[in-house]
Amino acid sequence: MKKHKVLCIDDETHNLEALERLLRKKYSVVTANSGAAALEELQNHNFSLIISDQKMPEMTVVQFFEQAKDIQPE
């Protein structure tokens, strides 16, 4: 059975590690520590779900999703 791929975005490493531990048994988890890094991951992978921190140093989650929908509108 193929696992769904989940992208987790947070600028705090401990939050990313906790999400990965929580989700890795059922999902293929990719982490990114910034909105820019997450946008790069979207260029290379299709994700079933994106989990993101609201406030990050470079951009908010709203700014991230505005750009992400241009890369992967589905």
PDB file of N, CA and C in Angstrom:
ATOM      1  N   MET A   1       0.833  -1.178   0.000  1.00  0.00           N
ATOM      2  CA  MET A   1       0.000   0.000   0.000  1.00  0.00           C
ATOM      3  C   MET A   1       0.884   1.249   0.000  1.00  0.00           C
ATOM      4  N   LYS A   2       0.591   2.149  -0.913  1.00  0.00           N
ATOM      5  CA  LYS A   2       1.347   3.395  -1.002  1.00  0.00           C
ATOM      6  C   LYS A   2       0.881   4.368   0.079  1.00  0.00           C
ATOM      7  N   LYS A   3       1.847   4.958   0.773  1.00  0.00           N
ATOM      8  CA  LYS A   3       1.512   5.924   1.817  1.00  0.00           C
ATOM      9  C   LYS A   3       1.263   7.298   1.204  1.00  0.00           C
ATOM     10  N   HIS A   4       0.280   8.010   1.749  1.00  0.00           N
ATOM     11  CA  HIS A   4       0.065   9.404   1.356  1.00  0.00           C
ATOM     12  C   HIS A   4       1.258  10.218   1.835  1.00  0.00           C
ATOM     13  N   LYS A   5       1.611  11.237   1.063  1.00  0.00           N
ATOM     14  CA  LYS A   5       2.741  12.094   1.400  1.00  0.00           C
ATOM     15  C   LYS A   5       2.227  13.363   2.068  1.00  0.00           C
ATOM     16  N   VAL A   6       2.818  13.707   3.220  1.00  0.00           N
ATOM     17  CA  VAL A   6       2.433  14.873   4.016  1.00  0.00           C
ATOM     18  C   VAL A   6       3.625  15.817   4.118  1.00  0.00           C
ATOM     19  N   LEU A   7       3.374  17.098   3.892  1.00  0.00           N
ATOM     20  CA  LEU A   7       4.399  18.124   4.049  1.00  0.00           C
ATOM     21  C   LEU A   7       4.127  18.888   5.343  1.00  0.00           C
ATOM     22  N   CYS A   8       5.113  18.921   6.230  1.00  0.00           N
ATOM     23  CA  CYS A   8       5.010  19.657   7.497  1.00  0.00           C
ATOM     24  C   CYS A   8       5.978  20.836   7.448  1.00  0.00           C
ATOM     25  N   ILE A   9       5.464  22.022   7.758  1.00  0.00           N
ATOM     26  CA  ILE A   9       6.270  23.243   7.686  1.00  0.00           C
ATOM     27  C   ILE A   9       6.242  23.949   9.037  1.00  0.00           C
ATOM     28  N   ASP A  10       7.421  24.206   9.574  1.00  0.00           N
ATOM     29  CA  ASP A  10       7.529  24.947  10.828  1.00  0.00           C
ATOM     30  C   ASP A  10       8.969  25.414  10.966  1.00  0.00           C
ATOM     31  N   ASP A  11       9.181  26.605  11.489  1.00  0.00           N
ATOM     32  CA  ASP A  11      10.535  27.110  11.688  1.00  0.00           C
ATOM     33  C   ASP A  11      11.154  26.595  12.987  1.00  0.00           C
ATOM     34  N   GLU A  12      10.384  25.897  13.793  1.00  0.00           N
ATOM     35  CA  GLU A  12      10.906  25.332  15.038  1.00  0.00           C
ATOM     36  C   GLU A  12      11.138  23.824  14.854  1.00  0.00           C
ATOM     37  N   THR A  13      12.384  23.431  14.940  1.00  0.00           N
ATOM     38  CA  THR A  13      12.789  22.050  14.670  1.00  0.00           C
ATOM     39  C   THR A  13      12.061  21.044  15.546  1.00  0.00           C
ATOM     40  N   HIS A  14      11.884  21.351  16.824  1.00  0.00           N
ATOM     41  CA  HIS A  14      11.239  20.378  17.719  1.00  0.00           C
ATOM     42  C   HIS A  14       9.793  20.100  17.303  1.00  0.00           C
ATOM     43  N   ASN A  15       9.109  21.102  16.748  1.00  0.00           N
ATOM     44  CA  ASN A  15       7.748  20.881  16.257  1.00  0.00           C
ATOM     45  C   ASN A  15       7.752  19.949  15.039  1.00  0.00           C
ATOM     46  N   LEU A  16       8.693  20.163  14.123  1.00  0.00           N
ATOM     47  CA  LEU A  16       8.799  19.282  12.957  1.00  0.00           C
ATOM     48  C   LEU A  16       9.110  17.855  13.368  1.00  0.00           C
ATOM     49  N   GLU A  17      10.021  17.700  14.313  1.00  0.00           N
ATOM     50  CA  GLU A  17      10.373  16.356  14.784  1.00  0.00           C
ATOM     51  C   GLU A  17       9.175  15.664  15.428  1.00  0.00           C
ATOM     52  N   ALA A  18       8.405  16.399  16.200  1.00  0.00           N
ATOM     53  CA  ALA A  18       7.228  15.820  16.852  1.00  0.00           C
ATOM     54  C   ALA A  18       6.177  15.403  15.820  1.00  0.00           C
ATOM     55  N   LEU A  19       5.943  16.244  14.824  1.00  0.00           N
ATOM     56  CA  LEU A  19       4.987  15.899  13.774  1.00  0.00           C
ATOM     57  C   LEU A  19       5.443  14.670  12.992  1.00  0.00           C
ATOM     58  N   GLU A  20       6.720  14.621  12.685  1.00  0.00           N
ATOM     59  CA  GLU A  20       7.238  13.473  11.941  1.00  0.00           C
ATOM     60  C   GLU A  20       7.075  12.180  12.744  1.00  0.00           C
ATOM     61  N   ARG A  21       7.400  12.214  14.021  1.00  0.00           N
ATOM     62  CA  ARG A  21       7.228  11.027  14.870  1.00  0.00           C
ATOM     63  C   ARG A  21       5.770  10.593  14.928  1.00  0.00           C
ATOM     64  N   LEU A  22       4.877  11.551  15.020  1.00  0.00           N
ATOM     65  CA  LEU A  22       3.452  11.269  15.128  1.00  0.00           C
ATOM     66  C   LEU A  22       2.877  10.658  13.844  1.00  0.00           C
ATOM     67  N   LEU A  23       3.348  11.127  12.704  1.00  0.00           N
ATOM     68  CA  LEU A  23       2.740  10.763  11.428  1.00  0.00           C
ATOM     69  C   LEU A  23       3.448   9.670  10.630  1.00  0.00           C
ATOM     70  N   ARG A  24       4.708   9.401  10.916  1.00  0.00           N
ATOM     71  CA  ARG A  24       5.520   8.554  10.035  1.00  0.00           C
ATOM     72  C   ARG A  24       5.062   7.106   9.910  1.00  0.00           C
ATOM     73  N   LYS A  25       4.308   6.587  10.848  1.00  0.00           N
ATOM     74  CA  LYS A  25       3.852   5.202  10.733  1.00  0.00           C
ATOM     75  C   LYS A  25       2.826   5.029   9.619  1.00  0.00           C
ATOM     76  N   LYS A  26       1.990   6.043   9.431  1.00  0.00           N
ATOM     77  CA  LYS A  26       0.922   5.934   8.435  1.00  0.00           C
ATOM     78  C   LYS A  26       1.181   6.730   7.166  1.00  0.00           C
ATOM     79  N   TYR A  27       2.103   7.709   7.220  1.00  0.00           N
ATOM     80  CA  TYR A  27       2.315   8.603   6.091  1.00  0.00           C
ATOM     81  C   TYR A  27       3.796   8.751   5.778  1.00  0.00           C
ATOM     82  N   SER A  28       4.059   9.122   4.543  1.00  0.00           N
ATOM     83  CA  SER A  28       5.404   9.511   4.151  1.00  0.00           C
ATOM     84  C   SER A  28       5.519  11.001   4.460  1.00  0.00           C
ATOM     85  N   VAL A  29       6.398  11.362   5.389  1.00  0.00           N
ATOM     86  CA  VAL A  29       6.469  12.732   5.893  1.00  0.00           C
ATOM     87  C   VAL A  29       7.700  13.446   5.338  1.00  0.00           C
ATOM     88  N   VAL A  30       7.462  14.641   4.799  1.00  0.00           N
ATOM     89  CA  VAL A  30       8.538  15.520   4.352  1.00  0.00           C
ATOM     90  C   VAL A  30       8.430  16.778   5.201  1.00  0.00           C
ATOM     91  N   THR A  31       9.566  17.260   5.702  1.00  0.00           N
ATOM     92  CA  THR A  31       9.549  18.454   6.544  1.00  0.00           C
ATOM     93  C   THR A  31      10.299  19.590   5.858  1.00  0.00           C
ATOM     94  N   ALA A  32       9.887  20.809   6.192  1.00  0.00           N
ATOM     95  CA  ALA A  32      10.552  22.010   5.696  1.00  0.00           C
ATOM     96  C   ALA A  32      10.565  23.034   6.823  1.00  0.00           C
ATOM     97  N   ASN A  33      11.696  23.710   6.995  1.00  0.00           N
ATOM     98  CA  ASN A  33      11.815  24.650   8.107  1.00  0.00           C
ATOM     99  C   ASN A  33      11.518  26.106   7.715  1.00  0.00           C
ATOM    100  N   SER A  34      11.004  26.304   6.498  1.00  0.00           N
ATOM    101  CA  SER A  34      10.608  27.643   6.060  1.00  0.00           C
ATOM    102  C   SER A  34       9.627  27.527   4.901  1.00  0.00           C
ATOM    103  N   GLY A  35       8.940  28.618   4.642  1.00  0.00           N
ATOM    104  CA  GLY A  35       8.032  28.631   3.507  1.00  0.00           C
ATOM    105  C   GLY A  35       8.769  28.436   2.192  1.00  0.00           C
ATOM    106  N   ALA A  36       9.941  29.052   2.074  1.00  0.00           N
ATOM    107  CA  ALA A  36      10.734  28.920   0.850  1.00  0.00           C
ATOM    108  C   ALA A  36      11.156  27.470   0.623  1.00  0.00           C
ATOM    109  N   ALA A  37      11.599  26.803   1.679  1.00  0.00           N
ATOM    110  CA  ALA A  37      11.993  25.390   1.558  1.00  0.00           C
ATOM    111  C   ALA A  37      10.789  24.526   1.187  1.00  0.00           C
ATOM    112  N   ALA A  38       9.631  24.853   1.734  1.00  0.00           N
ATOM    113  CA  ALA A  38       8.411  24.101   1.425  1.00  0.00           C
ATOM    114  C   ALA A  38       8.007  24.292  -0.034  1.00  0.00           C
ATOM    115  N   LEU A  39       8.155  25.502  -0.549  1.00  0.00           N
ATOM    116  CA  LEU A  39       7.844  25.745  -1.956  1.00  0.00           C
ATOM    117  C   LEU A  39       8.759  24.928  -2.866  1.00  0.00           C
ATOM    118  N   GLU A  40      10.011  24.768  -2.471  1.00  0.00           N
ATOM    119  CA  GLU A  40      10.937  23.912  -3.231  1.00  0.00           C
ATOM    120  C   GLU A  40      10.467  22.460  -3.222  1.00  0.00           C
ATOM    121  N   GLU A  41      10.002  21.988  -2.069  1.00  0.00           N
ATOM    122  CA  GLU A  41       9.496  20.607  -1.978  1.00  0.00           C
ATOM    123  C   GLU A  41       8.281  20.424  -2.885  1.00  0.00           C
ATOM    124  N   LEU A  42       7.443  21.445  -2.988  1.00  0.00           N
ATOM    125  CA  LEU A  42       6.261  21.361  -3.846  1.00  0.00           C
ATOM    126  C   LEU A  42       6.632  21.263  -5.325  1.00  0.00           C
ATOM    127  N   GLN A  43       7.803  21.765  -5.672  1.00  0.00           N
ATOM    128  CA  GLN A  43       8.277  21.651  -7.051  1.00  0.00           C
ATOM    129  C   GLN A  43       8.616  20.198  -7.395  1.00  0.00           C
ATOM    130  N   ASN A  44       8.991  19.416  -6.378  1.00  0.00           N
ATOM    131  CA  ASN A  44       9.494  18.063  -6.608  1.00  0.00           C
ATOM    132  C   ASN A  44       8.555  16.935  -6.196  1.00  0.00           C
ATOM    133  N   HIS A  45       7.537  17.236  -5.396  1.00  0.00           N
ATOM    134  CA  HIS A  45       6.659  16.188  -4.857  1.00  0.00           C
ATOM    135  C   HIS A  45       5.202  16.630  -4.901  1.00  0.00           C
ATOM    136  N   ASN A  46       4.322  15.649  -4.966  1.00  0.00           N
ATOM    137  CA  ASN A  46       2.891  15.888  -4.800  1.00  0.00           C
ATOM    138  C   ASN A  46       2.511  15.464  -3.386  1.00  0.00           C
ATOM    139  N   PHE A  47       1.767  16.300  -2.698  1.00  0.00           N
ATOM    140  CA  PHE A  47       1.384  16.021  -1.324  1.00  0.00           C
ATOM    141  C   PHE A  47      -0.122  15.864  -1.196  1.00  0.00           C
ATOM    142  N   SER A  48      -0.516  14.951  -0.327  1.00  0.00           N
ATOM    143  CA  SER A  48      -1.938  14.768  -0.020  1.00  0.00           C
ATOM    144  C   SER A  48      -2.406  15.786   1.013  1.00  0.00           C
ATOM    145  N   LEU A  49      -1.464  16.238   1.856  1.00  0.00           N
ATOM    146  CA  LEU A  49      -1.803  17.141   2.956  1.00  0.00           C
ATOM    147  C   LEU A  49      -0.608  18.024   3.278  1.00  0.00           C
ATOM    148  N   ILE A  50      -0.887  19.278   3.643  1.00  0.00           N
ATOM    149  CA  ILE A  50       0.147  20.200   4.105  1.00  0.00           C
ATOM    150  C   ILE A  50      -0.263  20.698   5.486  1.00  0.00           C
ATOM    151  N   ILE A  51       0.655  20.562   6.445  1.00  0.00           N
ATOM    152  CA  ILE A  51       0.455  21.071   7.803  1.00  0.00           C
ATOM    153  C   ILE A  51       1.486  22.168   8.011  1.00  0.00           C
ATOM    154  N   SER A  52       1.023  23.366   8.381  1.00  0.00           N
ATOM    155  CA  SER A  52       1.959  24.482   8.481  1.00  0.00           C
ATOM    156  C   SER A  52       1.730  25.326   9.724  1.00  0.00           C
ATOM    157  N   ASP A  53       2.830  25.841  10.229  1.00  0.00           N
ATOM    158  CA  ASP A  53       2.811  26.864  11.268  1.00  0.00           C
ATOM    159  C   ASP A  53       2.209  28.133  10.655  1.00  0.00           C
ATOM    160  N   GLN A  54       1.517  28.925  11.428  1.00  0.00           N
ATOM    161  CA  GLN A  54       0.906  30.160  10.926  1.00  0.00           C
ATOM    162  C   GLN A  54       1.944  31.263  10.732  1.00  0.00           C
ATOM    163  N   LYS A  55       2.798  31.448  11.727  1.00  0.00           N
ATOM    164  CA  LYS A  55       3.771  32.537  11.670  1.00  0.00           C
ATOM    165  C   LYS A  55       5.174  31.970  11.500  1.00  0.00           C
ATOM    166  N   MET A  56       5.818  32.396  10.435  1.00  0.00           N
ATOM    167  CA  MET A  56       7.207  32.019  10.185  1.00  0.00           C
ATOM    168  C   MET A  56       7.969  33.285   9.818  1.00  0.00           C
ATOM    169  N   PRO A  57       9.270  33.312   9.999  1.00  0.00           N
ATOM    170  CA  PRO A  57      10.041  34.539   9.761  1.00  0.00           C
ATOM    171  C   PRO A  57       9.926  35.097   8.338  1.00  0.00           C
ATOM    172  N   GLU A  58       9.956  34.242   7.332  1.00  0.00           N
ATOM    173  CA  GLU A  58       9.986  34.717   5.951  1.00  0.00           C
ATOM    174  C   GLU A  58       8.609  35.072   5.408  1.00  0.00           C
ATOM    175  N   MET A  59       7.611  34.278   5.776  1.00  0.00           N
ATOM    176  CA  MET A  59       6.267  34.482   5.234  1.00  0.00           C
ATOM    177  C   MET A  59       5.247  33.832   6.150  1.00  0.00           C
ATOM    178  N   THR A  60       4.013  34.321   6.076  1.00  0.00           N
ATOM    179  CA  THR A  60       2.939  33.694   6.835  1.00  0.00           C
ATOM    180  C   THR A  60       2.421  32.500   6.042  1.00  0.00           C
ATOM    181  N   VAL A  61       1.595  31.699   6.680  1.00  0.00           N
ATOM    182  CA  VAL A  61       1.024  30.538   5.992  1.00  0.00           C
ATOM    183  C   VAL A  61       0.111  30.997   4.844  1.00  0.00           C
ATOM    184  N   VAL A  62      -0.538  32.135   4.978  1.00  0.00           N
ATOM    185  CA  VAL A  62      -1.388  32.658   3.902  1.00  0.00           C
ATOM    186  C   VAL A  62      -0.523  32.985   2.680  1.00  0.00           C
ATOM    187  N   GLN A  63       0.592  33.650   2.899  1.00  0.00           N
ATOM    188  CA  GLN A  63       1.507  33.957   1.797  1.00  0.00           C
ATOM    189  C   GLN A  63       2.044  32.674   1.163  1.00  0.00           C
ATOM    190  N   PHE A  64       2.354  31.692   2.001  1.00  0.00           N
ATOM    191  CA  PHE A  64       2.838  30.416   1.486  1.00  0.00           C
ATOM    192  C   PHE A  64       1.799  29.773   0.572  1.00  0.00           C
ATOM    193  N   PHE A  65       0.555  29.670   1.047  1.00  0.00           N
ATOM    194  CA  PHE A  65      -0.476  28.996   0.260  1.00  0.00           C
ATOM    195  C   PHE A  65      -0.836  29.766  -1.009  1.00  0.00           C
ATOM    196  N   GLU A  66      -0.714  31.084  -0.995  1.00  0.00           N
ATOM    197  CA  GLU A  66      -0.936  31.852  -2.218  1.00  0.00           C
ATOM    198  C   GLU A  66       0.054  31.439  -3.299  1.00  0.00           C
ATOM    199  N   GLN A  67       1.301  31.204  -2.913  1.00  0.00           N
ATOM    200  CA  GLN A  67       2.319  30.776  -3.869  1.00  0.00           C
ATOM    201  C   GLN A  67       2.199  29.288  -4.180  1.00  0.00           C
ATOM    202  N   ALA A  68       1.852  28.505  -3.175  1.00  0.00           N
ATOM    203  CA  ALA A  68       1.750  27.049  -3.357  1.00  0.00           C
ATOM    204  C   ALA A  68       0.658  26.687  -4.355  1.00  0.00           C
ATOM    205  N   LYS A  69      -0.436  27.424  -4.347  1.00  0.00           N
ATOM    206  CA  LYS A  69      -1.541  27.074  -5.269  1.00  0.00           C
ATOM    207  C   LYS A  69      -1.148  27.303  -6.716  1.00  0.00           C
ATOM    208  N   ASP A  70      -0.173  28.160  -6.975  1.00  0.00           N
ATOM    209  CA  ASP A  70       0.333  28.340  -8.336  1.00  0.00           C
ATOM    210  C   ASP A  70       1.186  27.150  -8.771  1.00  0.00           C
ATOM    211  N   ILE A  71       1.867  26.528  -7.811  1.00  0.00           N
ATOM    212  CA  ILE A  71       2.706  25.362  -8.105  1.00  0.00           C
ATOM    213  C   ILE A  71       1.868  24.107  -8.221  1.00  0.00           C
ATOM    214  N   GLN A  72       0.982  23.896  -7.259  1.00  0.00           N
ATOM    215  CA  GLN A  72       0.114  22.707  -7.234  1.00  0.00           C
ATOM    216  C   GLN A  72      -1.317  23.127  -6.933  1.00  0.00           C
ATOM    217  N   PRO A  73      -2.067  23.539  -7.935  1.00  0.00           N
ATOM    218  CA  PRO A  73      -3.420  24.046  -7.698  1.00  0.00           C
ATOM    219  C   PRO A  73      -4.373  23.020  -7.095  1.00  0.00           C
ATOM    220  N   GLU A  74      -4.104  21.736  -7.272  1.00  0.00           N
ATOM    221  CA  GLU A  74      -4.995  20.706  -6.716  1.00  0.00           C
ATOM    222  C   GLU A  74      -4.752  20.533  -5.247  1.00  0.00           C
TER     223      GLU A  74
END
